[in-house]
Amino acid sequence: ENPVHALARQHGLRTRRIWGSGDGNMSGYDAVYTSDGDAHGDPGGEIRRWANTALDCLNATAVAASDDMSVRDGLRACGWRPRSEVEWAVDWAMSGEDANGELAR
C-alpha cells in the first residue's frame, strides 16, 4: 500500500487521485524516468507513442467491449504488452492500473 495514502487514512485526511494527464494520453509527459532517476528512459518518445497508439485503439474499441473487460485486457487486445520497467512505468501512468489490474495507488 502507498505509505502516503496509509498515513493520510491514519490521520483522517481526505485524498484525491490526480492522474498524470487526466485521460492517460502520454503526449503531455516531457520525460519518462527510470528507477534510477534518469529522465532519459524514453529519449525519443517511442514508448509514449506506442502507448498513445494503444490508448487510441482502446478508445476506438471501447463501445464494442464487454462490460467485464478491464483496461488491462483492452490494452492487451490493442497490442500493448509492456516488458521493460520503463514500459511498465508508462503503463501505470496511462492505464491507472497496476500490473494485476487493480487501481493504481
PDB file of N, CA and C in Angstrom:
ATOM      1  N   GLU A   1       0.841  -1.178   0.000  1.00  0.00           N
ATOM      2  CA  GLU A   1       0.000   0.000   0.000  1.00  0.00           C
ATOM      3  C   GLU A   1       0.887   1.243   0.000  1.00  0.00           C
ATOM      4  N   ASN A   2       0.412   2.261  -0.658  1.00  0.00           N
ATOM      5  CA  ASN A   2       1.130   3.528  -0.710  1.00  0.00           C
ATOM      6  C   ASN A   2       1.235   4.106   0.705  1.00  0.00           C
ATOM      7  N   PRO A   3       2.453   4.375   1.185  1.00  0.00           N
ATOM      8  CA  PRO A   3       2.620   4.864   2.554  1.00  0.00           C
ATOM      9  C   PRO A   3       1.986   6.235   2.803  1.00  0.00           C
ATOM     10  N   VAL A   4       1.956   7.081   1.806  1.00  0.00           N
ATOM     11  CA  VAL A   4       1.325   8.391   1.967  1.00  0.00           C
ATOM     12  C   VAL A   4      -0.191   8.219   2.125  1.00  0.00           C
ATOM     13  N   HIS A   5      -0.756   7.337   1.320  1.00  0.00           N
ATOM     14  CA  HIS A   5      -2.194   7.055   1.420  1.00  0.00           C
ATOM     15  C   HIS A   5      -2.523   6.474   2.801  1.00  0.00           C
ATOM     16  N   ALA A   6      -1.703   5.545   3.283  1.00  0.00           N
ATOM     17  CA  ALA A   6      -1.927   4.936   4.600  1.00  0.00           C
ATOM     18  C   ALA A   6      -1.841   5.985   5.711  1.00  0.00           C
ATOM     19  N   LEU A   7      -0.857   6.867   5.622  1.00  0.00           N
ATOM     20  CA  LEU A   7      -0.690   7.917   6.626  1.00  0.00           C
ATOM     21  C   LEU A   7      -1.879   8.882   6.620  1.00  0.00           C
ATOM     22  N   ALA A   8      -2.331   9.238   5.435  1.00  0.00           N
ATOM     23  CA  ALA A   8      -3.488  10.129   5.323  1.00  0.00           C
ATOM     24  C   ALA A   8      -4.722   9.480   5.944  1.00  0.00           C
ATOM     25  N   ARG A   9      -4.929   8.200   5.668  1.00  0.00           N
ATOM     26  CA  ARG A   9      -6.061   7.484   6.247  1.00  0.00           C
ATOM     27  C   ARG A   9      -5.946   7.420   7.770  1.00  0.00           C
ATOM     28  N   GLN A  10      -4.729   7.143   8.248  1.00  0.00           N
ATOM     29  CA  GLN A  10      -4.486   7.043   9.688  1.00  0.00           C
ATOM     30  C   GLN A  10      -4.869   8.334  10.414  1.00  0.00           C
ATOM     31  N   HIS A  11      -4.647   9.465   9.761  1.00  0.00           N
ATOM     32  CA  HIS A  11      -4.920  10.760  10.375  1.00  0.00           C
ATOM     33  C   HIS A  11      -6.252  11.362   9.930  1.00  0.00           C
ATOM     34  N   GLY A  12      -7.047  10.569   9.220  1.00  0.00           N
ATOM     35  CA  GLY A  12      -8.376  11.026   8.821  1.00  0.00           C
ATOM     36  C   GLY A  12      -8.384  12.090   7.745  1.00  0.00           C
ATOM     37  N   LEU A  13      -7.320  12.156   6.952  1.00  0.00           N
ATOM     38  CA  LEU A  13      -7.261  13.158   5.884  1.00  0.00           C
ATOM     39  C   LEU A  13      -7.930  12.624   4.625  1.00  0.00           C
ATOM     40  N   ARG A  14      -8.625  13.496   3.935  1.00  0.00           N
ATOM     41  CA  ARG A  14      -9.212  13.114   2.659  1.00  0.00           C
ATOM     42  C   ARG A  14      -8.144  13.211   1.572  1.00  0.00           C
ATOM     43  N   THR A  15      -8.219  12.323   0.613  1.00  0.00           N
ATOM     44  CA  THR A  15      -7.276  12.346  -0.508  1.00  0.00           C
ATOM     45  C   THR A  15      -8.060  12.351  -1.808  1.00  0.00           C
ATOM     46  N   ARG A  16      -7.381  12.732  -2.863  1.00  0.00           N
ATOM     47  CA  ARG A  16      -7.985  12.750  -4.185  1.00  0.00           C
ATOM     48  C   ARG A  16      -6.933  12.299  -5.185  1.00  0.00           C
ATOM     49  N   ARG A  17      -7.332  11.424  -6.083  1.00  0.00           N
ATOM     50  CA  ARG A  17      -6.408  10.970  -7.127  1.00  0.00           C
ATOM     51  C   ARG A  17      -6.174  12.100  -8.137  1.00  0.00           C
ATOM     52  N   ILE A  18      -4.949  12.260  -8.541  1.00  0.00           N
ATOM     53  CA  ILE A  18      -4.607  13.210  -9.596  1.00  0.00           C
ATOM     54  C   ILE A  18      -3.814  12.439 -10.635  1.00  0.00           C
ATOM     55  N   TRP A  19      -4.397  12.223 -11.770  1.00  0.00           N
ATOM     56  CA  TRP A  19      -3.753  11.448 -12.834  1.00  0.00           C
ATOM     57  C   TRP A  19      -2.734  12.304 -13.572  1.00  0.00           C
ATOM     58  N   GLY A  20      -1.804  11.636 -14.226  1.00  0.00           N
ATOM     59  CA  GLY A  20      -0.730  12.322 -14.922  1.00  0.00           C
ATOM     60  C   GLY A  20      -1.206  13.289 -15.983  1.00  0.00           C
ATOM     61  N   SER A  21      -2.140  12.865 -16.819  1.00  0.00           N
ATOM     62  CA  SER A  21      -2.592  13.758 -17.877  1.00  0.00           C
ATOM     63  C   SER A  21      -4.111  13.843 -17.932  1.00  0.00           C
ATOM     64  N   GLY A  22      -4.759  13.249 -17.014  1.00  0.00           N
ATOM     65  CA  GLY A  22      -6.214  13.299 -16.961  1.00  0.00           C
ATOM     66  C   GLY A  22      -6.894  12.249 -17.817  1.00  0.00           C
ATOM     67  N   ASP A  23      -6.371  11.979 -19.005  1.00  0.00           N
ATOM     68  CA  ASP A  23      -7.014  10.999 -19.885  1.00  0.00           C
ATOM     69  C   ASP A  23      -6.091   9.846 -20.248  1.00  0.00           C
ATOM     70  N   GLY A  24      -4.926   9.782 -19.637  1.00  0.00           N
ATOM     71  CA  GLY A  24      -3.990   8.695 -19.915  1.00  0.00           C
ATOM     72  C   GLY A  24      -3.066   8.951 -21.087  1.00  0.00           C
ATOM     73  N   ASN A  25      -3.371   9.962 -21.896  1.00  0.00           N
ATOM     74  CA  ASN A  25      -2.542  10.268 -23.051  1.00  0.00           C
ATOM     75  C   ASN A  25      -1.152  10.683 -22.582  1.00  0.00           C
ATOM     76  N   MET A  26      -0.150  10.120 -23.201  1.00  0.00           N
ATOM     77  CA  MET A  26       1.224  10.357 -22.772  1.00  0.00           C
ATOM     78  C   MET A  26       1.890  11.538 -23.459  1.00  0.00           C
ATOM     79  N   SER A  27       1.176  12.234 -24.334  1.00  0.00           N
ATOM     80  CA  SER A  27       1.776  13.342 -25.086  1.00  0.00           C
ATOM     81  C   SER A  27       2.264  14.472 -24.193  1.00  0.00           C
ATOM     82  N   GLY A  28       1.613  14.676 -23.059  1.00  0.00           N
ATOM     83  CA  GLY A  28       1.979  15.781 -22.182  1.00  0.00           C
ATOM     84  C   GLY A  28       3.145  15.474 -21.256  1.00  0.00           C
ATOM     85  N   TYR A  29       3.673  14.284 -21.333  1.00  0.00           N
ATOM     86  CA  TYR A  29       4.808  13.913 -20.486  1.00  0.00           C
ATOM     87  C   TYR A  29       6.103  14.273 -21.205  1.00  0.00           C
ATOM     88  N   ASP A  30       6.907  15.129 -20.590  1.00  0.00           N
ATOM     89  CA  ASP A  30       8.165  15.550 -21.204  1.00  0.00           C
ATOM     90  C   ASP A  30       9.247  14.501 -21.080  1.00  0.00           C
ATOM     91  N   ALA A  31       9.149  13.650 -20.069  1.00  0.00           N
ATOM     92  CA  ALA A  31      10.185  12.655 -19.830  1.00  0.00           C
ATOM     93  C   ALA A  31       9.576  11.448 -19.144  1.00  0.00           C
ATOM     94  N   VAL A  32      10.242  10.330 -19.287  1.00  0.00           N
ATOM     95  CA  VAL A  32       9.902   9.115 -18.542  1.00  0.00           C
ATOM     96  C   VAL A  32      11.156   8.742 -17.775  1.00  0.00           C
ATOM     97  N   TYR A  33      11.029   8.706 -16.477  1.00  0.00           N
ATOM     98  CA  TYR A  33      12.177   8.437 -15.614  1.00  0.00           C
ATOM     99  C   TYR A  33      12.398   6.944 -15.418  1.00  0.00           C
ATOM    100  N   THR A  34      13.648   6.568 -15.314  1.00  0.00           N
ATOM    101  CA  THR A  34      13.995   5.197 -14.961  1.00  0.00           C
ATOM    102  C   THR A  34      13.942   5.065 -13.444  1.00  0.00           C
ATOM    103  N   SER A  35      14.083   3.845 -12.948  1.00  0.00           N
ATOM    104  CA  SER A  35      14.067   3.636 -11.497  1.00  0.00           C
ATOM    105  C   SER A  35      15.288   4.256 -10.826  1.00  0.00           C
ATOM    106  N   ASP A  36      16.302   4.603 -11.599  1.00  0.00           N
ATOM    107  CA  ASP A  36      17.499   5.262 -11.069  1.00  0.00           C
ATOM    108  C   ASP A  36      17.366   6.788 -11.072  1.00  0.00           C
ATOM    109  N   GLY A  37      16.224   7.293 -11.533  1.00  0.00           N
ATOM    110  CA  GLY A  37      16.011   8.732 -11.565  1.00  0.00           C
ATOM    111  C   GLY A  37      16.506   9.405 -12.828  1.00  0.00           C
ATOM    112  N   ASP A  38      16.923   8.628 -13.807  1.00  0.00           N
ATOM    113  CA  ASP A  38      17.385   9.178 -15.074  1.00  0.00           C
ATOM    114  C   ASP A  38      16.172   9.583 -15.911  1.00  0.00           C
ATOM    115  N   ALA A  39      16.134  10.818 -16.348  1.00  0.00           N
ATOM    116  CA  ALA A  39      14.999  11.333 -17.117  1.00  0.00           C
ATOM    117  C   ALA A  39      15.025  10.903 -18.578  1.00  0.00           C
ATOM    118  N   HIS A  40      15.915  10.010 -18.937  1.00  0.00           N
ATOM    119  CA  HIS A  40      16.045   9.598 -20.329  1.00  0.00           C
ATOM    120  C   HIS A  40      15.603   8.149 -20.540  1.00  0.00           C
ATOM    121  N   GLY A  41      14.519   7.759 -19.868  1.00  0.00           N
ATOM    122  CA  GLY A  41      14.001   6.406 -20.021  1.00  0.00           C
ATOM    123  C   GLY A  41      13.371   6.163 -21.381  1.00  0.00           C
ATOM    124  N   ASP A  42      12.902   7.212 -22.007  1.00  0.00           N
ATOM    125  CA  ASP A  42      12.268   7.132 -23.330  1.00  0.00           C
ATOM    126  C   ASP A  42      12.697   8.355 -24.132  1.00  0.00           C
ATOM    127  N   PRO A  43      14.007   8.461 -24.448  1.00  0.00           N
ATOM    128  CA  PRO A  43      14.533   9.703 -25.023  1.00  0.00           C
ATOM    129  C   PRO A  43      13.901  10.114 -26.352  1.00  0.00           C
ATOM    130  N   GLY A  44      13.552   9.176 -27.194  1.00  0.00           N
ATOM    131  CA  GLY A  44      12.962   9.527 -28.480  1.00  0.00           C
ATOM    132  C   GLY A  44      11.443   9.550 -28.462  1.00  0.00           C
ATOM    133  N   GLY A  45      10.847   9.168 -27.344  1.00  0.00           N
ATOM    134  CA  GLY A  45       9.397   9.165 -27.225  1.00  0.00           C
ATOM    135  C   GLY A  45       8.706   7.960 -27.839  1.00  0.00           C
ATOM    136  N   GLU A  46       9.493   6.958 -28.234  1.00  0.00           N
ATOM    137  CA  GLU A  46       8.917   5.781 -28.898  1.00  0.00           C
ATOM    138  C   GLU A  46       7.909   5.037 -28.005  1.00  0.00           C
ATOM    139  N   ILE A  47       8.243   4.868 -26.738  1.00  0.00           N
ATOM    140  CA  ILE A  47       7.340   4.159 -25.819  1.00  0.00           C
ATOM    141  C   ILE A  47       6.057   4.960 -25.638  1.00  0.00           C
ATOM    142  N   ARG A  48       6.179   6.274 -25.475  1.00  0.00           N
ATOM    143  CA  ARG A  48       4.988   7.110 -25.314  1.00  0.00           C
ATOM    144  C   ARG A  48       4.112   7.096 -26.559  1.00  0.00           C
ATOM    145  N   ARG A  49       4.724   7.075 -27.748  1.00  0.00           N
ATOM    146  CA  ARG A  49       3.933   6.995 -28.983  1.00  0.00           C
ATOM    147  C   ARG A  49       3.213   5.648 -29.074  1.00  0.00           C
ATOM    148  N   TRP A  50       3.915   4.561 -28.708  1.00  0.00           N
ATOM    149  CA  TRP A  50       3.312   3.225 -28.702  1.00  0.00           C
ATOM    150  C   TRP A  50       2.128   3.202 -27.723  1.00  0.00           C
ATOM    151  N   ALA A  51       2.310   3.792 -26.556  1.00  0.00           N
ATOM    152  CA  ALA A  51       1.239   3.859 -25.558  1.00  0.00           C
ATOM    153  C   ALA A  51       0.050   4.647 -26.088  1.00  0.00           C
ATOM    154  N   ASN A  52       0.305   5.765 -26.740  1.00  0.00           N
ATOM    155  CA  ASN A  52      -0.799   6.572 -27.286  1.00  0.00           C
ATOM    156  C   ASN A  52      -1.545   5.826 -28.387  1.00  0.00           C
ATOM    157  N   THR A  53      -0.826   5.058 -29.201  1.00  0.00           N
ATOM    158  CA  THR A  53      -1.470   4.244 -30.241  1.00  0.00           C
ATOM    159  C   THR A  53      -2.395   3.216 -29.595  1.00  0.00           C
ATOM    160  N   ALA A  54      -1.911   2.559 -28.538  1.00  0.00           N
ATOM    161  CA  ALA A  54      -2.740   1.580 -27.830  1.00  0.00           C
ATOM    162  C   ALA A  54      -3.939   2.258 -27.174  1.00  0.00           C
ATOM    163  N   LEU A  55      -3.732   3.433 -26.602  1.00  0.00           N
ATOM    164  CA  LEU A  55      -4.825   4.160 -25.964  1.00  0.00           C
ATOM    165  C   LEU A  55      -5.867   4.609 -26.994  1.00  0.00           C
ATOM    166  N   ASP A  56      -5.420   5.055 -28.161  1.00  0.00           N
ATOM    167  CA  ASP A  56      -6.353   5.420 -29.233  1.00  0.00           C
ATOM    168  C   ASP A  56      -7.183   4.209 -29.652  1.00  0.00           C
ATOM    169  N   CYS A  57      -6.533   3.057 -29.786  1.00  0.00           N
ATOM    170  CA  CYS A  57      -7.231   1.821 -30.121  1.00  0.00           C
ATOM    171  C   CYS A  57      -8.240   1.471 -29.028  1.00  0.00           C
ATOM    172  N   LEU A  58      -7.832   1.571 -27.772  1.00  0.00           N
ATOM    173  CA  LEU A  58      -8.720   1.275 -26.648  1.00  0.00           C
ATOM    174  C   LEU A  58      -9.963   2.156 -26.700  1.00  0.00           C
ATOM    175  N   ASN A  59      -9.773   3.434 -26.937  1.00  0.00           N
ATOM    176  CA  ASN A  59     -10.904   4.357 -27.016  1.00  0.00           C
ATOM    177  C   ASN A  59     -11.812   4.048 -28.205  1.00  0.00           C
ATOM    178  N   ALA A  60     -11.209   3.656 -29.329  1.00  0.00           N
ATOM    179  CA  ALA A  60     -11.990   3.367 -30.531  1.00  0.00           C
ATOM    180  C   ALA A  60     -12.786   2.072 -30.402  1.00  0.00           C
ATOM    181  N   THR A  61     -12.313   1.143 -29.600  1.00  0.00           N
ATOM    182  CA  THR A  61     -12.975  -0.158 -29.474  1.00  0.00           C
ATOM    183  C   THR A  61     -13.807  -0.286 -28.200  1.00  0.00           C
ATOM    184  N   ALA A  62     -13.820   0.731 -27.369  1.00  0.00           N
ATOM    185  CA  ALA A  62     -14.492   0.643 -26.066  1.00  0.00           C
ATOM    186  C   ALA A  62     -15.986   0.367 -26.178  1.00  0.00           C
ATOM    187  N   VAL A  63     -16.641   0.925 -27.169  1.00  0.00           N
ATOM    188  CA  VAL A  63     -18.086   0.751 -27.303  1.00  0.00           C
ATOM    189  C   VAL A  63     -18.433  -0.729 -27.508  1.00  0.00           C
ATOM    190  N   ALA A  64     -17.594  -1.445 -28.238  1.00  0.00           N
ATOM    191  CA  ALA A  64     -17.863  -2.853 -28.535  1.00  0.00           C
ATOM    192  C   ALA A  64     -17.354  -3.797 -27.447  1.00  0.00           C
ATOM    193  N   ALA A  65     -16.648  -3.273 -26.458  1.00  0.00           N
ATOM    194  CA  ALA A  65     -16.065  -4.124 -25.413  1.00  0.00           C
ATOM    195  C   ALA A  65     -17.142  -4.619 -24.461  1.00  0.00           C
ATOM    196  N   SER A  66     -16.900  -5.787 -23.893  1.00  0.00           N
ATOM    197  CA  SER A  66     -17.852  -6.325 -22.916  1.00  0.00           C
ATOM    198  C   SER A  66     -17.736  -5.546 -21.609  1.00  0.00           C
ATOM    199  N   ASP A  67     -18.790  -5.592 -20.816  1.00  0.00           N
ATOM    200  CA  ASP A  67     -18.828  -4.852 -19.560  1.00  0.00           C
ATOM    201  C   ASP A  67     -17.790  -5.329 -18.554  1.00  0.00           C
ATOM    202  N   ASP A  68     -17.337  -6.571 -18.690  1.00  0.00           N
ATOM    203  CA  ASP A  68     -16.376  -7.086 -17.721  1.00  0.00           C
ATOM    204  C   ASP A  68     -14.927  -7.002 -18.210  1.00  0.00           C
ATOM    205  N   MET A  69     -14.705  -6.337 -19.341  1.00  0.00           N
ATOM    206  CA  MET A  69     -13.342  -6.186 -19.848  1.00  0.00           C
ATOM    207  C   MET A  69     -12.639  -5.075 -19.080  1.00  0.00           C
ATOM    208  N   SER A  70     -11.459  -5.382 -18.593  1.00  0.00           N
ATOM    209  CA  SER A  70     -10.685  -4.382 -17.860  1.00  0.00           C
ATOM    210  C   SER A  70      -9.883  -3.519 -18.834  1.00  0.00           C
ATOM    211  N   VAL A  71      -9.375  -2.423 -18.329  1.00  0.00           N
ATOM    212  CA  VAL A  71      -8.480  -1.588 -19.124  1.00  0.00           C
ATOM    213  C   VAL A  71      -7.282  -2.420 -19.563  1.00  0.00           C
ATOM    214  N   ARG A  72      -6.776  -3.220 -18.645  1.00  0.00           N
ATOM    215  CA  ARG A  72      -5.624  -4.087 -18.942  1.00  0.00           C
ATOM    216  C   ARG A  72      -5.925  -5.013 -20.119  1.00  0.00           C
ATOM    217  N   ASP A  73      -7.099  -5.674 -20.111  1.00  0.00           N
ATOM    218  CA  ASP A  73      -7.477  -6.570 -21.208  1.00  0.00           C
ATOM    219  C   ASP A  73      -7.594  -5.809 -22.524  1.00  0.00           C
ATOM    220  N   GLY A  74      -8.204  -4.638 -22.463  1.00  0.00           N
ATOM    221  CA  GLY A  74      -8.358  -3.833 -23.669  1.00  0.00           C
ATOM    222  C   GLY A  74      -7.030  -3.385 -24.249  1.00  0.00           C
ATOM    223  N   LEU A  75      -6.115  -2.988 -23.390  1.00  0.00           N
ATOM    224  CA  LEU A  75      -4.792  -2.570 -23.876  1.00  0.00           C
ATOM    225  C   LEU A  75      -4.046  -3.741 -24.508  1.00  0.00           C
ATOM    226  N   ARG A  76      -4.147  -4.915 -23.895  1.00  0.00           N
ATOM    227  CA  ARG A  76      -3.512  -6.109 -24.485  1.00  0.00           C
ATOM    228  C   ARG A  76      -4.091  -6.391 -25.869  1.00  0.00           C
ATOM    229  N   ALA A  77      -5.419  -6.305 -25.976  1.00  0.00           N
ATOM    230  CA  ALA A  77      -6.072  -6.544 -27.264  1.00  0.00           C
ATOM    231  C   ALA A  77      -5.617  -5.534 -28.312  1.00  0.00           C
ATOM    232  N   CYS A  78      -5.183  -4.376 -27.866  1.00  0.00           N
ATOM    233  CA  CYS A  78      -4.697  -3.327 -28.772  1.00  0.00           C
ATOM    234  C   CYS A  78      -3.188  -3.393 -28.995  1.00  0.00           C
ATOM    235  N   GLY A  79      -2.552  -4.462 -28.537  1.00  0.00           N
ATOM    236  CA  GLY A  79      -1.131  -4.660 -28.809  1.00  0.00           C
ATOM    237  C   GLY A  79      -0.180  -4.115 -27.765  1.00  0.00           C
ATOM    238  N   TRP A  80      -0.698  -3.585 -26.666  1.00  0.00           N
ATOM    239  CA  TRP A  80       0.161  -3.027 -25.611  1.00  0.00           C
ATOM    240  C   TRP A  80       0.565  -4.152 -24.672  1.00  0.00           C
ATOM    241  N   ARG A  81       1.856  -4.485 -24.703  1.00  0.00           N
ATOM    242  CA  ARG A  81       2.386  -5.535 -23.834  1.00  0.00           C
ATOM    243  C   ARG A  81       3.732  -5.067 -23.267  1.00  0.00           C
ATOM    244  N   PRO A  82       3.692  -4.280 -22.197  1.00  0.00           N
ATOM    245  CA  PRO A  82       4.928  -3.752 -21.624  1.00  0.00           C
ATOM    246  C   PRO A  82       5.825  -4.860 -21.098  1.00  0.00           C
ATOM    247  N   ARG A  83       7.128  -4.674 -21.278  1.00  0.00           N
ATOM    248  CA  ARG A  83       8.104  -5.656 -20.801  1.00  0.00           C
ATOM    249  C   ARG A  83       9.171  -5.016 -19.909  1.00  0.00           C
ATOM    250  N   SER A  84       9.675  -3.878 -20.315  1.00  0.00           N
ATOM    251  CA  SER A  84      10.746  -3.238 -19.541  1.00  0.00           C
ATOM    252  C   SER A  84      10.151  -2.435 -18.393  1.00  0.00           C
ATOM    253  N   GLU A  85      11.001  -2.086 -17.426  1.00  0.00           N
ATOM    254  CA  GLU A  85      10.497  -1.294 -16.295  1.00  0.00           C
ATOM    255  C   GLU A  85      10.014   0.080 -16.752  1.00  0.00           C
ATOM    256  N   VAL A  86      10.621   0.650 -17.773  1.00  0.00           N
ATOM    257  CA  VAL A  86      10.182   1.951 -18.283  1.00  0.00           C
ATOM    258  C   VAL A  86       8.813   1.806 -18.959  1.00  0.00           C
ATOM    259  N   GLU A  87       8.615   0.736 -19.716  1.00  0.00           N
ATOM    260  CA  GLU A  87       7.310   0.495 -20.329  1.00  0.00           C
ATOM    261  C   GLU A  87       6.236   0.307 -19.261  1.00  0.00           C
ATOM    262  N   TRP A  88       6.579  -0.382 -18.171  1.00  0.00           N
ATOM    263  CA  TRP A  88       5.614  -0.560 -17.082  1.00  0.00           C
ATOM    264  C   TRP A  88       5.324   0.765 -16.379  1.00  0.00           C
ATOM    265  N   ALA A  89       6.304   1.649 -16.307  1.00  0.00           N
ATOM    266  CA  ALA A  89       6.067   2.970 -15.718  1.00  0.00           C
ATOM    267  C   ALA A  89       5.084   3.758 -16.581  1.00  0.00           C
ATOM    268  N   VAL A  90       5.262   3.701 -17.880  1.00  0.00           N
ATOM    269  CA  VAL A  90       4.340   4.371 -18.798  1.00  0.00           C
ATOM    270  C   VAL A  90       2.957   3.732 -18.684  1.00  0.00           C
ATOM    271  N   ASP A  91       2.925   2.415 -18.596  1.00  0.00           N
ATOM    272  CA  ASP A  91       1.664   1.695 -18.445  1.00  0.00           C
ATOM    273  C   ASP A  91       0.900   2.172 -17.215  1.00  0.00           C
ATOM    274  N   TRP A  92       1.606   2.295 -16.113  1.00  0.00           N
ATOM    275  CA  TRP A  92       0.979   2.722 -14.855  1.00  0.00           C
ATOM    276  C   TRP A  92       0.366   4.115 -15.005  1.00  0.00           C
ATOM    277  N   ALA A  93       1.098   5.014 -15.628  1.00  0.00           N
ATOM    278  CA  ALA A  93       0.605   6.377 -15.819  1.00  0.00           C
ATOM    279  C   ALA A  93      -0.553   6.421 -16.809  1.00  0.00           C
ATOM    280  N   MET A  94      -0.498   5.571 -17.825  1.00  0.00           N
ATOM    281  CA  MET A  94      -1.512   5.587 -18.880  1.00  0.00           C
ATOM    282  C   MET A  94      -2.795   4.886 -18.452  1.00  0.00           C
ATOM    283  N   SER A  95      -2.683   3.741 -17.817  1.00  0.00           N
ATOM    284  CA  SER A  95      -3.864   2.917 -17.573  1.00  0.00           C
ATOM    285  C   SER A  95      -4.557   3.196 -16.248  1.00  0.00           C
ATOM    286  N   GLY A  96      -3.806   3.718 -15.287  1.00  0.00           N
ATOM    287  CA  GLY A  96      -4.393   3.893 -13.966  1.00  0.00           C
ATOM    288  C   GLY A  96      -4.518   2.590 -13.209  1.00  0.00           C
ATOM    289  N   GLU A  97      -3.876   1.543 -13.710  1.00  0.00           N
ATOM    290  CA  GLU A  97      -3.925   0.234 -13.070  1.00  0.00           C
ATOM    291  C   GLU A  97      -2.517  -0.279 -12.814  1.00  0.00           C
ATOM    292  N   ASP A  98      -2.384  -1.072 -11.764  1.00  0.00           N
ATOM    293  CA  ASP A  98      -1.154  -1.816 -11.563  1.00  0.00           C
ATOM    294  C   ASP A  98      -1.190  -3.030 -12.493  1.00  0.00           C
ATOM    295  N   ALA A  99      -0.086  -3.757 -12.594  1.00  0.00           N
ATOM    296  CA  ALA A  99       0.014  -4.887 -13.499  1.00  0.00           C
ATOM    297  C   ALA A  99      -1.038  -5.965 -13.216  1.00  0.00           C
ATOM    298  N   ASN A 100      -1.509  -6.031 -11.981  1.00  0.00           N
ATOM    299  CA  ASN A 100      -2.502  -7.054 -11.622  1.00  0.00           C
ATOM    300  C   ASN A 100      -3.937  -6.619 -11.935  1.00  0.00           C
ATOM    301  N   GLY A 101      -4.109  -5.445 -12.516  1.00  0.00           N
ATOM    302  CA  GLY A 101      -5.435  -4.971 -12.883  1.00  0.00           C
ATOM    303  C   GLY A 101      -6.124  -4.165 -11.782  1.00  0.00           C
ATOM    304  N   GLU A 102      -5.500  -4.046 -10.630  1.00  0.00           N
ATOM    305  CA  GLU A 102      -6.071  -3.252  -9.550  1.00  0.00           C
ATOM    306  C   GLU A 102      -5.792  -1.773  -9.810  1.00  0.00           C
ATOM    307  N   LEU A 103      -6.644  -0.902  -9.266  1.00  0.00           N
ATOM    308  CA  LEU A 103      -6.411   0.527  -9.417  1.00  0.00           C
ATOM    309  C   LEU A 103      -5.041   0.909  -8.869  1.00  0.00           C
ATOM    310  N   ALA A 104      -4.326   1.712  -9.611  1.00  0.00           N
ATOM    311  CA  ALA A 104      -3.008   2.178  -9.177  1.00  0.00           C
ATOM    312  C   ALA A 104      -3.167   3.095  -7.978  1.00  0.00           C
ATOM    313  N   ARG A 105      -2.235   2.979  -7.051  1.00  0.00           N
ATOM    314  CA  ARG A 105      -2.259   3.842  -5.855  1.00  0.00           C
ATOM    315  C   ARG A 105      -0.920   4.533  -5.726  1.00  0.00           C
TER     316      ARG A 105
END
